C-alpha atoms as a PDB file:
ATOM      1  CA  UNK A   1       0.000   0.000   0.000  1.00  0.00           C
ATOM      2  CA  UNK A   2       2.944   2.357   0.419  1.00  0.00           C
ATOM      3  CA  UNK A   3       3.288   2.449  -3.390  1.00  0.00           C
ATOM      4  CA  UNK A   4      -0.310   3.616  -3.652  1.00  0.00           C
ATOM      5  CA  UNK A   5       0.108   6.230  -0.935  1.00  0.00           C
ATOM      6  CA  UNK A   6       3.317   7.682  -2.354  1.00  0.00           C
ATOM      7  CA  UNK A   7       1.662   8.565  -5.634  1.00  0.00           C
ATOM      8  CA  UNK A   8       3.195   8.342  -9.031  1.00  0.00           C
ATOM      9  CA  UNK A   9       2.767   6.190 -12.077  1.00  0.00           C
ATOM     10  CA  UNK A  10       1.682   3.091 -10.156  1.00  0.00           C
ATOM     11  CA  UNK A  11      -1.084   5.052  -8.445  1.00  0.00           C
ATOM     12  CA  UNK A  12      -2.372   6.285 -11.797  1.00  0.00           C
ATOM     13  CA  UNK A  13      -2.200   2.709 -13.157  1.00  0.00           C
ATOM     14  CA  UNK A  14      -4.094   1.268 -10.170  1.00  0.00           C
ATOM     15  CA  UNK A  15      -6.812   3.925 -10.353  1.00  0.00           C
ATOM     16  CA  UNK A  16      -7.075   3.398 -14.121  1.00  0.00           C
ATOM     17  CA  UNK A  17      -7.390  -0.358 -13.606  1.00  0.00           C
ATOM     18  CA  UNK A  18     -10.119   0.106 -11.017  1.00  0.00           C
ATOM     19  CA  UNK A  19     -11.981   2.503 -13.296  1.00  0.00           C
ATOM     20  CA  UNK A  20     -11.753   0.136 -16.242  1.00  0.00           C
ATOM     21  CA  UNK A  21     -12.947  -2.692 -14.004  1.00  0.00           C
ATOM     22  CA  UNK A  22     -15.989  -0.694 -12.936  1.00  0.00           C
ATOM     23  CA  UNK A  23     -16.828   0.179 -16.534  1.00  0.00           C
ATOM     24  CA  UNK A  24     -16.534  -3.490 -17.496  1.00  0.00           C
ATOM     25  CA  UNK A  25     -18.574  -4.718 -14.492  1.00  0.00           C
ATOM     26  CA  UNK A  26     -21.334  -2.179 -15.093  1.00  0.00           C
ATOM     27  CA  UNK A  27     -21.473  -2.849 -18.872  1.00  0.00           C
ATOM     28  CA  UNK A  28     -20.449   0.706 -19.656  1.00  0.00           C
ATOM     29  CA  UNK A  29     -20.289   2.095 -23.175  1.00  0.00           C
ATOM     30  CA  UNK A  30     -17.216   1.505 -25.330  1.00  0.00           C
ATOM     31  CA  UNK A  31     -16.205   5.148 -25.311  1.00  0.00           C
ATOM     32  CA  UNK A  32     -15.804   5.051 -21.514  1.00  0.00           C
ATOM     33  CA  UNK A  33     -12.720   2.830 -21.817  1.00  0.00           C
ATOM     34  CA  UNK A  34     -11.066   5.264 -24.206  1.00  0.00           C
ATOM     35  CA  UNK A  35     -12.066   8.231 -22.051  1.00  0.00           C
ATOM     36  CA  UNK A  36     -10.461   6.728 -18.936  1.00  0.00           C
ATOM     37  CA  UNK A  37      -7.217   5.968 -20.765  1.00  0.00           C
ATOM     38  CA  UNK A  38      -7.134   9.513 -22.188  1.00  0.00           C
ATOM     39  CA  UNK A  39      -7.729  10.998 -18.721  1.00  0.00           C
ATOM     40  CA  UNK A  40      -4.879   8.891 -17.296  1.00  0.00           C
ATOM     41  CA  UNK A  41      -2.572  10.063 -20.114  1.00  0.00           C
ATOM     42  CA  UNK A  42      -3.543  13.684 -19.440  1.00  0.00           C
ATOM     43  CA  UNK A  43      -2.813  13.233 -15.723  1.00  0.00           C
ATOM     44  CA  UNK A  44       0.628  11.785 -16.508  1.00  0.00           C
ATOM     45  CA  UNK A  45       1.404  14.529 -19.024  1.00  0.00           C
ATOM     46  CA  UNK A  46       0.044  17.203 -16.669  1.00  0.00           C
ATOM     47  CA  UNK A  47       2.277  15.963 -13.855  1.00  0.00           C
ATOM     48  CA  UNK A  48       5.292  16.890 -15.939  1.00  0.00           C
ATOM     49  CA  UNK A  49       4.246  20.548 -15.752  1.00  0.00           C
ATOM     50  CA  UNK A  50       4.374  20.564 -11.935  1.00  0.00           C
ATOM     51  CA  UNK A  51       7.329  22.244 -10.186  1.00  0.00           C
ATOM     52  CA  UNK A  52      10.584  20.272 -10.271  1.00  0.00           C
ATOM     53  CA  UNK A  53      10.560  19.377  -6.575  1.00  0.00           C
ATOM     54  CA  UNK A  54       6.915  18.274  -6.461  1.00  0.00           C
ATOM     55  CA  UNK A  55       6.689  14.700  -5.149  1.00  0.00           C
ATOM     56  CA  UNK A  56       4.069  13.572  -7.679  1.00  0.00           C
ATOM     57  CA  UNK A  57       6.204  14.826 -10.586  1.00  0.00           C
ATOM     58  CA  UNK A  58       9.281  13.057  -9.230  1.00  0.00           C
ATOM     59  CA  UNK A  59       7.375   9.773  -8.802  1.00  0.00           C
ATOM     60  CA  UNK A  60       5.893  10.000 -12.308  1.00  0.00           C
ATOM     61  CA  UNK A  61       9.361  10.598 -13.790  1.00  0.00           C
ATOM     62  CA  UNK A  62      10.750   7.609 -11.864  1.00  0.00           C
ATOM     63  CA  UNK A  63       8.006   5.411 -13.294  1.00  0.00           C
ATOM     64  CA  UNK A  64       8.505   6.747 -16.804  1.00  0.00           C
ATOM     65  CA  UNK A  65      12.239   6.092 -16.531  1.00  0.00           C
ATOM     66  CA  UNK A  66      11.491   2.407 -15.851  1.00  0.00           C
ATOM     67  CA  UNK A  67       9.157   2.234 -18.851  1.00  0.00           C
ATOM     68  CA  UNK A  68      11.764   3.957 -21.034  1.00  0.00           C
ATOM     69  CA  UNK A  69      14.204   1.117 -20.384  1.00  0.00           C
ATOM     70  CA  UNK A  70      11.499  -1.539 -20.787  1.00  0.00           C
ATOM     71  CA  UNK A  71      10.568  -0.146 -24.218  1.00  0.00           C
ATOM     72  CA  UNK A  72      14.233   0.233 -25.171  1.00  0.00           C
ATOM     73  CA  UNK A  73      14.680  -3.495 -24.587  1.00  0.00           C
ATOM     74  CA  UNK A  74      11.319  -4.622 -25.991  1.00  0.00           C
ATOM     75  CA  UNK A  75      11.333  -2.710 -29.292  1.00  0.00           C
ATOM     76  CA  UNK A  76      14.319  -4.507 -30.876  1.00  0.00           C
ATOM     77  CA  UNK A  77      13.073  -7.874 -29.630  1.00  0.00           C
ATOM     78  CA  UNK A  78       9.574  -7.300 -31.029  1.00  0.00           C
ATOM     79  CA  UNK A  79      11.022  -5.904 -34.257  1.00  0.00           C
ATOM     80  CA  UNK A  80      13.122  -9.024 -34.713  1.00  0.00           C
ATOM     81  CA  UNK A  81      10.092 -11.214 -34.051  1.00  0.00           C
ATOM     82  CA  UNK A  82       8.046  -9.309 -36.628  1.00  0.00           C
ATOM     83  CA  UNK A  83      10.871  -9.637 -39.168  1.00  0.00           C
ATOM     84  CA  UNK A  84      11.106 -13.408 -38.612  1.00  0.00           C
ATOM     85  CA  UNK A  85       7.331 -13.765 -38.926  1.00  0.00           C
ATOM     86  CA  UNK A  86       7.340 -11.743 -42.169  1.00  0.00           C
ATOM     87  CA  UNK A  87      10.153 -13.882 -43.614  1.00  0.00           C
ATOM     88  CA  UNK A  88       8.294 -17.059 -42.610  1.00  0.00           C
ATOM     89  CA  UNK A  89       5.100 -15.854 -44.308  1.00  0.00           C
ATOM     90  CA  UNK A  90       7.049 -15.061 -47.481  1.00  0.00           C
ATOM     91  CA  UNK A  91       8.741 -18.476 -47.432  1.00  0.00           C
ATOM     92  CA  UNK A  92       5.452 -20.294 -46.821  1.00  0.00           C
ATOM     93  CA  UNK A  93       3.782 -18.379 -49.657  1.00  0.00           C
ATOM     94  CA  UNK A  94       6.506 -19.438 -52.120  1.00  0.00           C
ATOM     95  CA  UNK A  95       6.223 -23.114 -51.147  1.00  0.00           C
ATOM     96  CA  UNK A  96       2.421 -23.219 -51.334  1.00  0.00           C
ATOM     97  CA  UNK A  97       2.272 -22.576 -55.089  1.00  0.00           C
END
């Protein structure tokens, strides 16, 4: 619970997850899912405009730093997987005829 109390990216993610769960459980309209994700993105982007020493801004930046490294590792791996899949589809198409 200390992660939730300290604020930051994990707090926004938990609140977003709860909101999406409520929309799903109450059979909400499809646009509600998109609206909640957009609101969460606006909150994250808005936190970057807070003063430099604001705790919420610091916690958001710490969370974004973790995601930066996760994407930096995942993008080449996913790109390689997509390239292998594309080559396999091309090879299968040539052998089918």
